[in-house]
Amino acid sequence: MWFLILALILGFITLVWSADKFLSGAASTANHMGVSKMLIGLTVVSVGTSAPEILVAAAAAVEDSGILAVGNAIGSNIANIGLVLGITALLAPLPFSQTVLKAELPWLLGATLLALILMFDLHLSPLDGLLLMTGLGLILWRLVRNQQTAGAEVSESIQEELDELQHMPRGQAVFWLVTGLLVLLVSAQVLVWSATQIAAALGVSELIIGLTIVAVGTSLPELAATVGSAVKGHSDIAIGNVVGSNILNILAVLAIPGLIGGTDIEIVALWRDCGMMLALTLLLALFAYAIGSTPVITRFEGAVMLAAWCGYNLLLINQAAAWQGA
């Protein structure tokens, strides 16, 4: 068991490291090819930040562990709102930017409802995956078109992400693009293998492991980035980062197990886990659009979201323990 835990930790560490190198290499390579900063920010950076989750989902689906990928996508969304925004709001109140209020949060609500409708038959099919990916393409196309039409500068959140990426010479950029992708692939395979072996050793379902260990592990970089933005005084960027990540988790990560052969979904995942994801997303919308209140997540509201996440994970642990004892 200790070897499996060590492999899991090593998989997480190399996954995060290689994702950073891959993203820097991809952005620098695109820059050397003459791609505009706006397009790099809206496509390469936006999608590249979800590379760990996407590669883990692909590795799980290929290994016939699609339910682990589903758990990772749903669990990451739950952790991003409950854990990431909850902790960050406790440090500093988080205001909603106009971009989040007018575009990104409505897109997240729409994507969440689309995913629930597609999974209502307890099966994620290749057609469902294609519909989710089509939604992602539509959102990226609208983002690029709106920026071009408005002739606006790159948004503050994307600009901050671009500034944090390492700028490289062409040869170095291509090297890290290829190396980062290869290490990402291997890390994802190691993580999925160790996670499934741990699930078997503990006698719990791969869904539970995906919802807890894997989801929290892949959300840790988001937690570090979001807390970092708040500490730097860019608290208005924090919510946008999480909302954007959750949109990609639904439309890109959740689509992968559907596209790669499809996967069956346990009914408990639909009502307990998807229900929790929907509840936290609606809670986020309530904080944003509540009549007569300022669109901001206060410290008290952050504590509520964090408590909801803690309670949900305690429920998972208790149910897993009950199933083991049965």
C-alpha atoms as a PDB file:
ATOM      1  CA  MET A   1       0.000   0.000   0.000  1.00  0.00           C
ATOM      2  CA  TRP A   2       2.823   2.403   0.853  1.00  0.00           C
ATOM      3  CA  PHE A   3       4.294   1.879  -2.614  1.00  0.00           C
ATOM      4  CA  LEU A   4       0.925   2.740  -4.182  1.00  0.00           C
ATOM      5  CA  ILE A   5       0.616   5.906  -2.079  1.00  0.00           C
ATOM      6  CA  LEU A   6       4.161   6.924  -3.032  1.00  0.00           C
ATOM      7  CA  ALA A   7       3.371   6.314  -6.722  1.00  0.00           C
ATOM      8  CA  LEU A   8       0.207   8.403  -6.383  1.00  0.00           C
ATOM      9  CA  ILE A   9       2.091  11.307  -4.782  1.00  0.00           C
ATOM     10  CA  LEU A  10       4.858  11.065  -7.392  1.00  0.00           C
ATOM     11  CA  GLY A  11       2.226  11.035 -10.117  1.00  0.00           C
ATOM     12  CA  PHE A  12       0.659  14.238  -8.769  1.00  0.00           C
ATOM     13  CA  ILE A  13       4.027  16.012  -8.451  1.00  0.00           C
ATOM     14  CA  THR A  14       5.227  15.128 -11.949  1.00  0.00           C
ATOM     15  CA  LEU A  15       1.767  15.873 -13.376  1.00  0.00           C
ATOM     16  CA  VAL A  16       1.801  19.429 -12.025  1.00  0.00           C
ATOM     17  CA  TRP A  17       5.459  20.003 -13.005  1.00  0.00           C
ATOM     18  CA  SER A  18       5.037  18.682 -16.553  1.00  0.00           C
ATOM     19  CA  ALA A  19       1.776  20.607 -17.050  1.00  0.00           C
ATOM     20  CA  ASP A  20       3.597  23.852 -16.231  1.00  0.00           C
ATOM     21  CA  LYS A  21       6.447  23.028 -18.642  1.00  0.00           C
ATOM     22  CA  PHE A  22       4.019  21.918 -21.356  1.00  0.00           C
ATOM     23  CA  LEU A  23       1.969  25.087 -21.013  1.00  0.00           C
ATOM     24  CA  SER A  24       5.028  27.368 -21.111  1.00  0.00           C
ATOM     25  CA  GLY A  25       6.417  25.506 -24.113  1.00  0.00           C
ATOM     26  CA  ALA A  26       3.088  25.557 -25.960  1.00  0.00           C
ATOM     27  CA  ALA A  27       2.537  29.272 -25.334  1.00  0.00           C
ATOM     28  CA  SER A  28       6.100  30.196 -26.351  1.00  0.00           C
ATOM     29  CA  THR A  29       5.925  28.000 -29.473  1.00  0.00           C
ATOM     30  CA  ALA A  30       2.646  29.635 -30.492  1.00  0.00           C
ATOM     31  CA  ASN A  31       4.189  33.049 -29.886  1.00  0.00           C
ATOM     32  CA  HIS A  32       7.179  32.209 -32.133  1.00  0.00           C
ATOM     33  CA  MET A  33       4.715  31.084 -34.817  1.00  0.00           C
ATOM     34  CA  GLY A  34       3.152  34.542 -34.827  1.00  0.00           C
ATOM     35  CA  VAL A  35      -0.062  33.681 -32.958  1.00  0.00           C
ATOM     36  CA  SER A  36      -1.502  36.749 -31.236  1.00  0.00           C
ATOM     37  CA  LYS A  37      -1.282  37.099 -27.469  1.00  0.00           C
ATOM     38  CA  MET A  38      -5.079  37.258 -27.283  1.00  0.00           C
ATOM     39  CA  LEU A  39      -5.509  33.957 -29.128  1.00  0.00           C
ATOM     40  CA  ILE A  40      -2.780  32.284 -27.060  1.00  0.00           C
ATOM     41  CA  GLY A  41      -4.496  33.425 -23.870  1.00  0.00           C
ATOM     42  CA  LEU A  42      -7.979  32.368 -24.921  1.00  0.00           C
ATOM     43  CA  THR A  43      -7.024  28.947 -26.306  1.00  0.00           C
ATOM     44  CA  VAL A  44      -3.561  27.655 -25.381  1.00  0.00           C
ATOM     45  CA  VAL A  45      -3.542  29.022 -21.818  1.00  0.00           C
ATOM     46  CA  SER A  46      -7.238  28.475 -21.071  1.00  0.00           C
ATOM     47  CA  VAL A  47      -7.274  24.855 -22.246  1.00  0.00           C
ATOM     48  CA  GLY A  48      -3.674  24.125 -21.233  1.00  0.00           C
ATOM     49  CA  THR A  49      -4.345  24.842 -17.560  1.00  0.00           C
ATOM     50  CA  SER A  50      -6.756  21.884 -17.590  1.00  0.00           C
ATOM     51  CA  ALA A  51      -4.209  19.580 -19.238  1.00  0.00           C
ATOM     52  CA  PRO A  52      -3.687  17.467 -16.056  1.00  0.00           C
ATOM     53  CA  GLU A  53      -7.391  16.705 -15.704  1.00  0.00           C
ATOM     54  CA  ILE A  54      -7.770  16.038 -19.450  1.00  0.00           C
ATOM     55  CA  LEU A  55      -4.794  13.637 -19.570  1.00  0.00           C
ATOM     56  CA  VAL A  56      -5.919  11.835 -16.397  1.00  0.00           C
ATOM     57  CA  ALA A  57      -9.403  11.434 -17.899  1.00  0.00           C
ATOM     58  CA  ALA A  58      -7.949  10.078 -21.150  1.00  0.00           C
ATOM     59  CA  ALA A  59      -5.660   7.636 -19.324  1.00  0.00           C
ATOM     60  CA  ALA A  60      -8.548   6.431 -17.149  1.00  0.00           C
ATOM     61  CA  ALA A  61     -10.852   5.954 -20.133  1.00  0.00           C
ATOM     62  CA  VAL A  62      -8.209   4.015 -22.069  1.00  0.00           C
ATOM     63  CA  GLU A  63      -7.649   1.768 -19.023  1.00  0.00           C
ATOM     64  CA  ASP A  64     -11.413   1.073 -18.916  1.00  0.00           C
ATOM     65  CA  SER A  65     -11.762   3.168 -15.756  1.00  0.00           C
ATOM     66  CA  GLY A  66     -14.039   5.810 -17.229  1.00  0.00           C
ATOM     67  CA  ILE A  67     -15.935   6.184 -13.957  1.00  0.00           C
ATOM     68  CA  LEU A  68     -12.686   7.410 -12.356  1.00  0.00           C
ATOM     69  CA  ALA A  69     -12.539  10.167 -14.994  1.00  0.00           C
ATOM     70  CA  VAL A  70     -16.176  11.082 -14.350  1.00  0.00           C
ATOM     71  CA  GLY A  71     -15.465  11.250 -10.622  1.00  0.00           C
ATOM     72  CA  ASN A  72     -12.409  13.428 -11.259  1.00  0.00           C
ATOM     73  CA  ALA A  73     -14.386  15.933 -13.350  1.00  0.00           C
ATOM     74  CA  ILE A  74     -17.330  16.159 -10.952  1.00  0.00           C
ATOM     75  CA  GLY A  75     -15.165  16.067  -7.831  1.00  0.00           C
ATOM     76  CA  SER A  76     -12.856  18.788  -9.184  1.00  0.00           C
ATOM     77  CA  ASN A  77     -15.822  21.101  -9.750  1.00  0.00           C
ATOM     78  CA  ILE A  78     -17.074  20.439  -6.227  1.00  0.00           C
ATOM     79  CA  ALA A  79     -13.585  21.037  -4.787  1.00  0.00           C
ATOM     80  CA  ASN A  80     -13.015  24.184  -6.855  1.00  0.00           C
ATOM     81  CA  ILE A  81     -16.126  25.870  -5.458  1.00  0.00           C
ATOM     82  CA  GLY A  82     -16.270  24.413  -1.958  1.00  0.00           C
ATOM     83  CA  LEU A  83     -12.571  24.053  -1.118  1.00  0.00           C
ATOM     84  CA  VAL A  84     -10.757  26.563  -3.364  1.00  0.00           C
ATOM     85  CA  LEU A  85     -13.227  29.468  -3.264  1.00  0.00           C
ATOM     86  CA  GLY A  86     -14.175  28.666   0.333  1.00  0.00           C
ATOM     87  CA  ILE A  87     -10.596  28.919   1.618  1.00  0.00           C
ATOM     88  CA  THR A  88      -9.771  31.931  -0.575  1.00  0.00           C
ATOM     89  CA  ALA A  89     -12.873  33.846   0.551  1.00  0.00           C
ATOM     90  CA  LEU A  90     -11.892  33.248   4.174  1.00  0.00           C
ATOM     91  CA  LEU A  91      -8.614  35.049   3.412  1.00  0.00           C
ATOM     92  CA  ALA A  92     -10.193  37.928   1.489  1.00  0.00           C
ATOM     93  CA  PRO A  93     -13.750  38.653   0.231  1.00  0.00           C
ATOM     94  CA  LEU A  94     -14.016  37.789  -3.468  1.00  0.00           C
ATOM     95  CA  PRO A  95     -15.862  40.234  -5.761  1.00  0.00           C
ATOM     96  CA  PHE A  96     -17.449  39.018  -9.005  1.00  0.00           C
ATOM     97  CA  SER A  97     -16.104  40.770 -12.110  1.00  0.00           C
ATOM     98  CA  GLN A  98     -18.542  41.932 -14.783  1.00  0.00           C
ATOM     99  CA  THR A  99     -17.135  39.346 -17.195  1.00  0.00           C
ATOM    100  CA  VAL A 100     -17.955  36.545 -14.759  1.00  0.00           C
ATOM    101  CA  LEU A 101     -21.434  37.922 -14.033  1.00  0.00           C
ATOM    102  CA  LYS A 102     -22.425  38.527 -17.664  1.00  0.00           C
ATOM    103  CA  ALA A 103     -20.735  35.662 -19.498  1.00  0.00           C
ATOM    104  CA  GLU A 104     -18.720  33.048 -17.617  1.00  0.00           C
ATOM    105  CA  LEU A 105     -21.141  32.176 -14.796  1.00  0.00           C
ATOM    106  CA  PRO A 106     -24.139  31.818 -17.170  1.00  0.00           C
ATOM    107  CA  TRP A 107     -21.960  29.551 -19.345  1.00  0.00           C
ATOM    108  CA  LEU A 108     -21.073  27.445 -16.285  1.00  0.00           C
ATOM    109  CA  LEU A 109     -24.747  27.115 -15.346  1.00  0.00           C
ATOM    110  CA  GLY A 110     -25.589  26.114 -18.931  1.00  0.00           C
ATOM    111  CA  ALA A 111     -22.729  23.604 -19.128  1.00  0.00           C
ATOM    112  CA  THR A 112     -23.709  22.058 -15.782  1.00  0.00           C
ATOM    113  CA  LEU A 113     -27.328  21.622 -16.841  1.00  0.00           C
ATOM    114  CA  LEU A 114     -26.235  20.163 -20.206  1.00  0.00           C
ATOM    115  CA  ALA A 115     -24.037  17.601 -18.442  1.00  0.00           C
ATOM    116  CA  LEU A 116     -26.859  16.600 -16.079  1.00  0.00           C
ATOM    117  CA  ILE A 117     -29.277  16.145 -18.976  1.00  0.00           C
ATOM    118  CA  LEU A 118     -26.775  14.015 -20.923  1.00  0.00           C
ATOM    119  CA  MET A 119     -26.009  11.824 -17.881  1.00  0.00           C
ATOM    120  CA  PHE A 120     -29.641  11.410 -16.826  1.00  0.00           C
ATOM    121  CA  ASP A 121     -29.833   8.064 -18.656  1.00  0.00           C
ATOM    122  CA  LEU A 122     -26.891   6.821 -16.542  1.00  0.00           C
ATOM    123  CA  HIS A 123     -24.617   6.503 -19.574  1.00  0.00           C
ATOM    124  CA  LEU A 124     -22.069   8.870 -21.086  1.00  0.00           C
ATOM    125  CA  SER A 125     -21.935   7.977 -24.781  1.00  0.00           C
ATOM    126  CA  PRO A 126     -19.614   9.108 -27.603  1.00  0.00           C
ATOM    127  CA  LEU A 127     -22.450  11.339 -28.826  1.00  0.00           C
ATOM    128  CA  ASP A 128     -22.697  12.922 -25.364  1.00  0.00           C
ATOM    129  CA  GLY A 129     -18.946  13.534 -25.409  1.00  0.00           C
ATOM    130  CA  LEU A 130     -19.205  15.110 -28.843  1.00  0.00           C
ATOM    131  CA  LEU A 131     -21.994  17.424 -27.673  1.00  0.00           C
ATOM    132  CA  LEU A 132     -19.916  18.519 -24.674  1.00  0.00           C
ATOM    133  CA  MET A 133     -16.864  19.187 -26.859  1.00  0.00           C
ATOM    134  CA  THR A 134     -19.065  21.128 -29.291  1.00  0.00           C
ATOM    135  CA  GLY A 135     -20.146  23.317 -26.380  1.00  0.00           C
ATOM    136  CA  LEU A 136     -16.497  23.958 -25.534  1.00  0.00           C
ATOM    137  CA  GLY A 137     -15.730  24.891 -29.141  1.00  0.00           C
ATOM    138  CA  LEU A 138     -18.696  27.268 -29.184  1.00  0.00           C
ATOM    139  CA  ILE A 139     -17.563  29.029 -26.007  1.00  0.00           C
ATOM    140  CA  LEU A 140     -13.965  29.411 -27.234  1.00  0.00           C
ATOM    141  CA  TRP A 141     -15.217  30.721 -30.607  1.00  0.00           C
ATOM    142  CA  ARG A 142     -17.447  33.290 -28.887  1.00  0.00           C
ATOM    143  CA  LEU A 143     -14.598  34.397 -26.625  1.00  0.00           C
ATOM    144  CA  VAL A 144     -12.274  34.977 -29.573  1.00  0.00           C
ATOM    145  CA  ARG A 145     -14.991  36.675 -31.641  1.00  0.00           C
ATOM    146  CA  ASN A 146     -16.024  38.990 -28.814  1.00  0.00           C
ATOM    147  CA  GLN A 147     -12.422  40.025 -28.155  1.00  0.00           C
ATOM    148  CA  GLN A 148     -11.821  40.691 -31.848  1.00  0.00           C
ATOM    149  CA  THR A 149     -15.086  42.586 -32.286  1.00  0.00           C
ATOM    150  CA  ALA A 150     -14.449  44.770 -29.264  1.00  0.00           C
ATOM    151  CA  GLY A 151     -10.806  45.272 -30.181  1.00  0.00           C
ATOM    152  CA  ALA A 152     -10.135  44.941 -26.474  1.00  0.00           C
ATOM    153  CA  GLU A 153      -6.936  44.196 -24.659  1.00  0.00           C
ATOM    154  CA  VAL A 154      -6.365  40.743 -23.250  1.00  0.00           C
ATOM    155  CA  SER A 155      -8.409  40.371 -20.064  1.00  0.00           C
ATOM    156  CA  GLU A 156      -6.620  40.923 -16.768  1.00  0.00           C
ATOM    157  CA  SER A 157      -6.873  37.293 -15.678  1.00  0.00           C
ATOM    158  CA  ILE A 158      -5.451  35.957 -18.937  1.00  0.00           C
ATOM    159  CA  GLN A 159      -2.751  38.634 -18.963  1.00  0.00           C
ATOM    160  CA  GLU A 160      -1.681  37.593 -15.462  1.00  0.00           C
ATOM    161  CA  GLU A 161      -1.439  33.965 -16.546  1.00  0.00           C
ATOM    162  CA  LEU A 162       0.600  34.945 -19.609  1.00  0.00           C
ATOM    163  CA  ASP A 163       2.963  37.061 -17.494  1.00  0.00           C
ATOM    164  CA  GLU A 164       3.603  34.119 -15.154  1.00  0.00           C
ATOM    165  CA  LEU A 165       4.605  31.788 -18.002  1.00  0.00           C
ATOM    166  CA  GLN A 166       8.299  31.417 -18.778  1.00  0.00           C
ATOM    167  CA  HIS A 167       9.279  32.958 -22.129  1.00  0.00           C
ATOM    168  CA  MET A 168      11.667  30.699 -24.056  1.00  0.00           C
ATOM    169  CA  PRO A 169      13.739  30.665 -27.261  1.00  0.00           C
ATOM    170  CA  ARG A 170      12.172  28.668 -30.099  1.00  0.00           C
ATOM    171  CA  GLY A 171      14.275  25.496 -29.614  1.00  0.00           C
ATOM    172  CA  GLN A 172      13.756  25.447 -25.862  1.00  0.00           C
ATOM    173  CA  ALA A 173      10.036  26.041 -26.313  1.00  0.00           C
ATOM    174  CA  VAL A 174       9.652  23.077 -28.669  1.00  0.00           C
ATOM    175  CA  PHE A 175      11.746  20.887 -26.339  1.00  0.00           C
ATOM    176  CA  TRP A 176       9.550  21.631 -23.309  1.00  0.00           C
ATOM    177  CA  LEU A 177       6.382  21.341 -25.396  1.00  0.00           C
ATOM    178  CA  VAL A 178       7.301  17.775 -26.392  1.00  0.00           C
ATOM    179  CA  THR A 179       8.951  16.772 -23.083  1.00  0.00           C
ATOM    180  CA  GLY A 180       6.138  18.257 -21.006  1.00  0.00           C
ATOM    181  CA  LEU A 181       3.529  16.380 -23.030  1.00  0.00           C
ATOM    182  CA  LEU A 182       5.395  13.067 -22.753  1.00  0.00           C
ATOM    183  CA  VAL A 183       5.873  13.409 -18.981  1.00  0.00           C
ATOM    184  CA  LEU A 184       2.212  14.434 -18.682  1.00  0.00           C
ATOM    185  CA  LEU A 185       1.163  11.235 -20.426  1.00  0.00           C
ATOM    186  CA  VAL A 186       3.358   9.037 -18.225  1.00  0.00           C
ATOM    187  CA  SER A 187       2.333  10.873 -15.033  1.00  0.00           C
ATOM    188  CA  ALA A 188      -1.354  10.478 -15.885  1.00  0.00           C
ATOM    189  CA  GLN A 189      -0.858   6.737 -16.446  1.00  0.00           C
ATOM    190  CA  VAL A 190       0.979   6.353 -13.110  1.00  0.00           C
ATOM    191  CA  LEU A 191      -1.687   8.358 -11.271  1.00  0.00           C
ATOM    192  CA  VAL A 192      -4.576   6.371 -12.759  1.00  0.00           C
ATOM    193  CA  TRP A 193      -2.829   3.029 -12.118  1.00  0.00           C
ATOM    194  CA  SER A 194      -2.029   3.855  -8.483  1.00  0.00           C
ATOM    195  CA  ALA A 195      -5.515   5.298  -7.860  1.00  0.00           C
ATOM    196  CA  THR A 196      -7.282   2.218  -9.229  1.00  0.00           C
ATOM    197  CA  GLN A 197      -4.981  -0.094  -7.249  1.00  0.00           C
ATOM    198  CA  ILE A 198      -5.645   1.868  -4.050  1.00  0.00           C
ATOM    199  CA  ALA A 199      -9.394   1.641  -4.711  1.00  0.00           C
ATOM    200  CA  ALA A 200      -9.100  -2.130  -5.096  1.00  0.00           C
ATOM    201  CA  ALA A 201      -6.947  -2.468  -1.968  1.00  0.00           C
ATOM    202  CA  LEU A 202      -9.384  -0.409   0.117  1.00  0.00           C
ATOM    203  CA  GLY A 203     -12.418  -2.134  -1.348  1.00  0.00           C
ATOM    204  CA  VAL A 204     -14.062   1.125  -2.482  1.00  0.00           C
ATOM    205  CA  SER A 205     -15.254   2.130  -5.923  1.00  0.00           C
ATOM    206  CA  GLU A 206     -13.050   4.006  -8.379  1.00  0.00           C
ATOM    207  CA  LEU A 207     -15.744   6.694  -8.379  1.00  0.00           C
ATOM    208  CA  ILE A 208     -15.012   7.489  -4.708  1.00  0.00           C
ATOM    209  CA  ILE A 209     -11.270   7.694  -5.379  1.00  0.00           C
ATOM    210  CA  GLY A 210     -11.912   9.996  -8.338  1.00  0.00           C
ATOM    211  CA  LEU A 211     -14.229  12.216  -6.308  1.00  0.00           C
ATOM    212  CA  THR A 212     -11.811  12.560  -3.395  1.00  0.00           C
ATOM    213  CA  ILE A 213      -8.102  11.838  -3.782  1.00  0.00           C
ATOM    214  CA  VAL A 214      -7.756  12.468  -7.520  1.00  0.00           C
ATOM    215  CA  ALA A 215     -10.147  15.444  -7.561  1.00  0.00           C
ATOM    216  CA  VAL A 216      -8.424  17.204  -4.663  1.00  0.00           C
ATOM    217  CA  GLY A 217      -4.980  16.429  -6.086  1.00  0.00           C
ATOM    218  CA  THR A 218      -5.775  17.929  -9.486  1.00  0.00           C
ATOM    219  CA  SER A 219      -7.430  20.931  -7.769  1.00  0.00           C
ATOM    220  CA  LEU A 220      -4.378  21.798  -5.646  1.00  0.00           C
ATOM    221  CA  PRO A 221      -2.725  23.895  -8.413  1.00  0.00           C
ATOM    222  CA  GLU A 222      -6.011  25.807  -8.753  1.00  0.00           C
ATOM    223  CA  LEU A 223      -6.042  26.382  -4.987  1.00  0.00           C
ATOM    224  CA  ALA A 224      -2.455  27.688  -5.042  1.00  0.00           C
ATOM    225  CA  ALA A 225      -3.141  29.990  -8.011  1.00  0.00           C
ATOM    226  CA  THR A 226      -6.400  31.323  -6.577  1.00  0.00           C
ATOM    227  CA  VAL A 227      -5.007  31.964  -3.105  1.00  0.00           C
ATOM    228  CA  GLY A 228      -1.960  33.560  -4.747  1.00  0.00           C
ATOM    229  CA  SER A 229      -4.179  35.946  -6.733  1.00  0.00           C
ATOM    230  CA  ALA A 230      -6.038  36.952  -3.565  1.00  0.00           C
ATOM    231  CA  VAL A 231      -2.819  37.494  -1.602  1.00  0.00           C
ATOM    232  CA  LYS A 232      -1.474  39.682  -4.439  1.00  0.00           C
ATOM    233  CA  GLY A 233      -4.603  41.825  -4.249  1.00  0.00           C
ATOM    234  CA  HIS A 234      -6.173  40.409  -7.425  1.00  0.00           C
ATOM    235  CA  SER A 235      -9.123  38.864  -5.607  1.00  0.00           C
ATOM    236  CA  ASP A 236     -11.462  39.748  -8.488  1.00  0.00           C
ATOM    237  CA  ILE A 237      -9.527  37.308 -10.689  1.00  0.00           C
ATOM    238  CA  ALA A 238      -9.986  34.350  -8.321  1.00  0.00           C
ATOM    239  CA  ILE A 239     -13.626  33.595  -9.132  1.00  0.00           C
ATOM    240  CA  GLY A 240     -12.977  33.883 -12.872  1.00  0.00           C
ATOM    241  CA  ASN A 241     -10.175  31.301 -12.614  1.00  0.00           C
ATOM    242  CA  VAL A 242     -12.422  28.804 -10.824  1.00  0.00           C
ATOM    243  CA  VAL A 243     -15.452  29.359 -13.064  1.00  0.00           C
ATOM    244  CA  GLY A 244     -13.309  28.945 -16.185  1.00  0.00           C
ATOM    245  CA  SER A 245     -11.735  25.781 -14.791  1.00  0.00           C
ATOM    246  CA  ASN A 246     -15.152  24.312 -13.956  1.00  0.00           C
ATOM    247  CA  ILE A 247     -16.453  25.011 -17.468  1.00  0.00           C
ATOM    248  CA  LEU A 248     -13.468  23.131 -18.904  1.00  0.00           C
ATOM    249  CA  ASN A 249     -13.909  20.259 -16.442  1.00  0.00           C
ATOM    250  CA  ILE A 250     -17.461  19.727 -17.711  1.00  0.00           C
ATOM    251  CA  LEU A 251     -17.028  20.361 -21.422  1.00  0.00           C
ATOM    252  CA  ALA A 252     -13.514  18.922 -21.921  1.00  0.00           C
ATOM    253  CA  VAL A 253     -12.666  16.528 -19.065  1.00  0.00           C
ATOM    254  CA  LEU A 254     -16.121  14.961 -18.735  1.00  0.00           C
ATOM    255  CA  ALA A 255     -16.323  14.579 -22.516  1.00  0.00           C
ATOM    256  CA  ILE A 256     -13.198  12.368 -22.678  1.00  0.00           C
ATOM    257  CA  PRO A 257     -14.634   9.138 -21.156  1.00  0.00           C
ATOM    258  CA  GLY A 258     -17.666   9.581 -23.375  1.00  0.00           C
ATOM    259  CA  LEU A 259     -15.623   9.985 -26.537  1.00  0.00           C
ATOM    260  CA  ILE A 260     -13.319   7.055 -25.697  1.00  0.00           C
ATOM    261  CA  GLY A 261     -15.858   4.245 -25.786  1.00  0.00           C
ATOM    262  CA  GLY A 262     -18.430   5.663 -23.385  1.00  0.00           C
ATOM    263  CA  THR A 263     -19.005   4.731 -19.738  1.00  0.00           C
ATOM    264  CA  ASP A 264     -21.888   3.766 -17.485  1.00  0.00           C
ATOM    265  CA  ILE A 265     -22.671   6.026 -14.521  1.00  0.00           C
ATOM    266  CA  GLU A 266     -23.850   4.776 -11.152  1.00  0.00           C
ATOM    267  CA  ILE A 267     -27.183   6.210 -10.068  1.00  0.00           C
ATOM    268  CA  VAL A 268     -25.590   7.405  -6.811  1.00  0.00           C
ATOM    269  CA  ALA A 269     -23.174   9.524  -8.872  1.00  0.00           C
ATOM    270  CA  LEU A 270     -26.102  11.223 -10.578  1.00  0.00           C
ATOM    271  CA  TRP A 271     -28.080  12.101  -7.442  1.00  0.00           C
ATOM    272  CA  ARG A 272     -25.384  12.485  -4.782  1.00  0.00           C
ATOM    273  CA  ASP A 273     -22.387  13.766  -6.718  1.00  0.00           C
ATOM    274  CA  CYS A 274     -23.911  15.590  -9.676  1.00  0.00           C
ATOM    275  CA  GLY A 275     -26.516  16.917  -7.247  1.00  0.00           C
ATOM    276  CA  MET A 276     -23.756  18.351  -5.042  1.00  0.00           C
ATOM    277  CA  MET A 277     -22.017  19.884  -8.054  1.00  0.00           C
ATOM    278  CA  LEU A 278     -25.290  21.521  -9.128  1.00  0.00           C
ATOM    279  CA  ALA A 279     -26.066  22.700  -5.575  1.00  0.00           C
ATOM    280  CA  LEU A 280     -22.674  24.413  -5.159  1.00  0.00           C
ATOM    281  CA  THR A 281     -22.907  25.967  -8.631  1.00  0.00           C
ATOM    282  CA  LEU A 282     -26.372  27.338  -7.817  1.00  0.00           C
ATOM    283  CA  LEU A 283     -25.045  28.580  -4.459  1.00  0.00           C
ATOM    284  CA  LEU A 284     -22.293  30.439  -6.315  1.00  0.00           C
ATOM    285  CA  ALA A 285     -24.934  31.963  -8.613  1.00  0.00           C
ATOM    286  CA  LEU A 286     -27.021  32.969  -5.574  1.00  0.00           C
ATOM    287  CA  PHE A 287     -24.063  34.857  -4.112  1.00  0.00           C
ATOM    288  CA  ALA A 288     -23.536  36.543  -7.494  1.00  0.00           C
ATOM    289  CA  TYR A 289     -27.089  37.513  -8.419  1.00  0.00           C
ATOM    290  CA  ALA A 290     -28.880  37.858  -5.062  1.00  0.00           C
ATOM    291  CA  ILE A 291     -31.186  40.890  -5.164  1.00  0.00           C
ATOM    292  CA  GLY A 292     -30.213  43.716  -2.846  1.00  0.00           C
ATOM    293  CA  SER A 293     -26.712  42.421  -2.151  1.00  0.00           C
ATOM    294  CA  THR A 294     -23.271  43.235  -3.500  1.00  0.00           C
ATOM    295  CA  PRO A 295     -21.905  40.606  -5.935  1.00  0.00           C
ATOM    296  CA  VAL A 296     -19.150  39.359  -3.647  1.00  0.00           C
ATOM    297  CA  ILE A 297     -18.353  36.147  -1.749  1.00  0.00           C
ATOM    298  CA  THR A 298     -17.979  37.234   1.874  1.00  0.00           C
ATOM    299  CA  ARG A 299     -15.961  35.402   4.511  1.00  0.00           C
ATOM    300  CA  PHE A 300     -19.165  33.969   5.982  1.00  0.00           C
ATOM    301  CA  GLU A 301     -20.303  32.723   2.556  1.00  0.00           C
ATOM    302  CA  GLY A 302     -16.837  31.237   2.017  1.00  0.00           C
ATOM    303  CA  ALA A 303     -17.188  29.395   5.327  1.00  0.00           C
ATOM    304  CA  VAL A 304     -20.573  28.044   4.190  1.00  0.00           C
ATOM    305  CA  MET A 305     -19.087  26.693   0.942  1.00  0.00           C
ATOM    306  CA  LEU A 306     -16.112  25.152   2.758  1.00  0.00           C
ATOM    307  CA  ALA A 307     -18.421  23.546   5.338  1.00  0.00           C
ATOM    308  CA  ALA A 308     -20.565  22.109   2.523  1.00  0.00           C
ATOM    309  CA  TRP A 309     -17.466  20.596   0.899  1.00  0.00           C
ATOM    310  CA  CYS A 310     -16.276  19.120   4.211  1.00  0.00           C
ATOM    311  CA  GLY A 311     -19.730  17.667   4.935  1.00  0.00           C
ATOM    312  CA  TYR A 312     -19.912  16.129   1.456  1.00  0.00           C
ATOM    313  CA  ASN A 313     -16.518  14.439   1.861  1.00  0.00           C
ATOM    314  CA  LEU A 314     -17.464  13.140   5.301  1.00  0.00           C
ATOM    315  CA  LEU A 315     -20.556  11.601   3.690  1.00  0.00           C
ATOM    316  CA  LEU A 316     -18.371   9.918   1.060  1.00  0.00           C
ATOM    317  CA  ILE A 317     -16.007   8.545   3.725  1.00  0.00           C
ATOM    318  CA  ASN A 318     -18.882   7.240   5.870  1.00  0.00           C
ATOM    319  CA  GLN A 319     -20.583   5.566   2.899  1.00  0.00           C
ATOM    320  CA  ALA A 320     -17.303   4.006   1.781  1.00  0.00           C
ATOM    321  CA  ALA A 321     -16.728   2.673   5.312  1.00  0.00           C
ATOM    322  CA  ALA A 322     -20.284   1.286   5.417  1.00  0.00           C
ATOM    323  CA  TRP A 323     -19.818  -0.493   2.076  1.00  0.00           C
ATOM    324  CA  GLN A 324     -16.541  -1.990   3.313  1.00  0.00           C
ATOM    325  CA  GLY A 325     -18.242  -3.329   6.434  1.00  0.00           C
ATOM    326  CA  ALA A 326     -21.166  -4.779   4.497  1.00  0.00           C
END
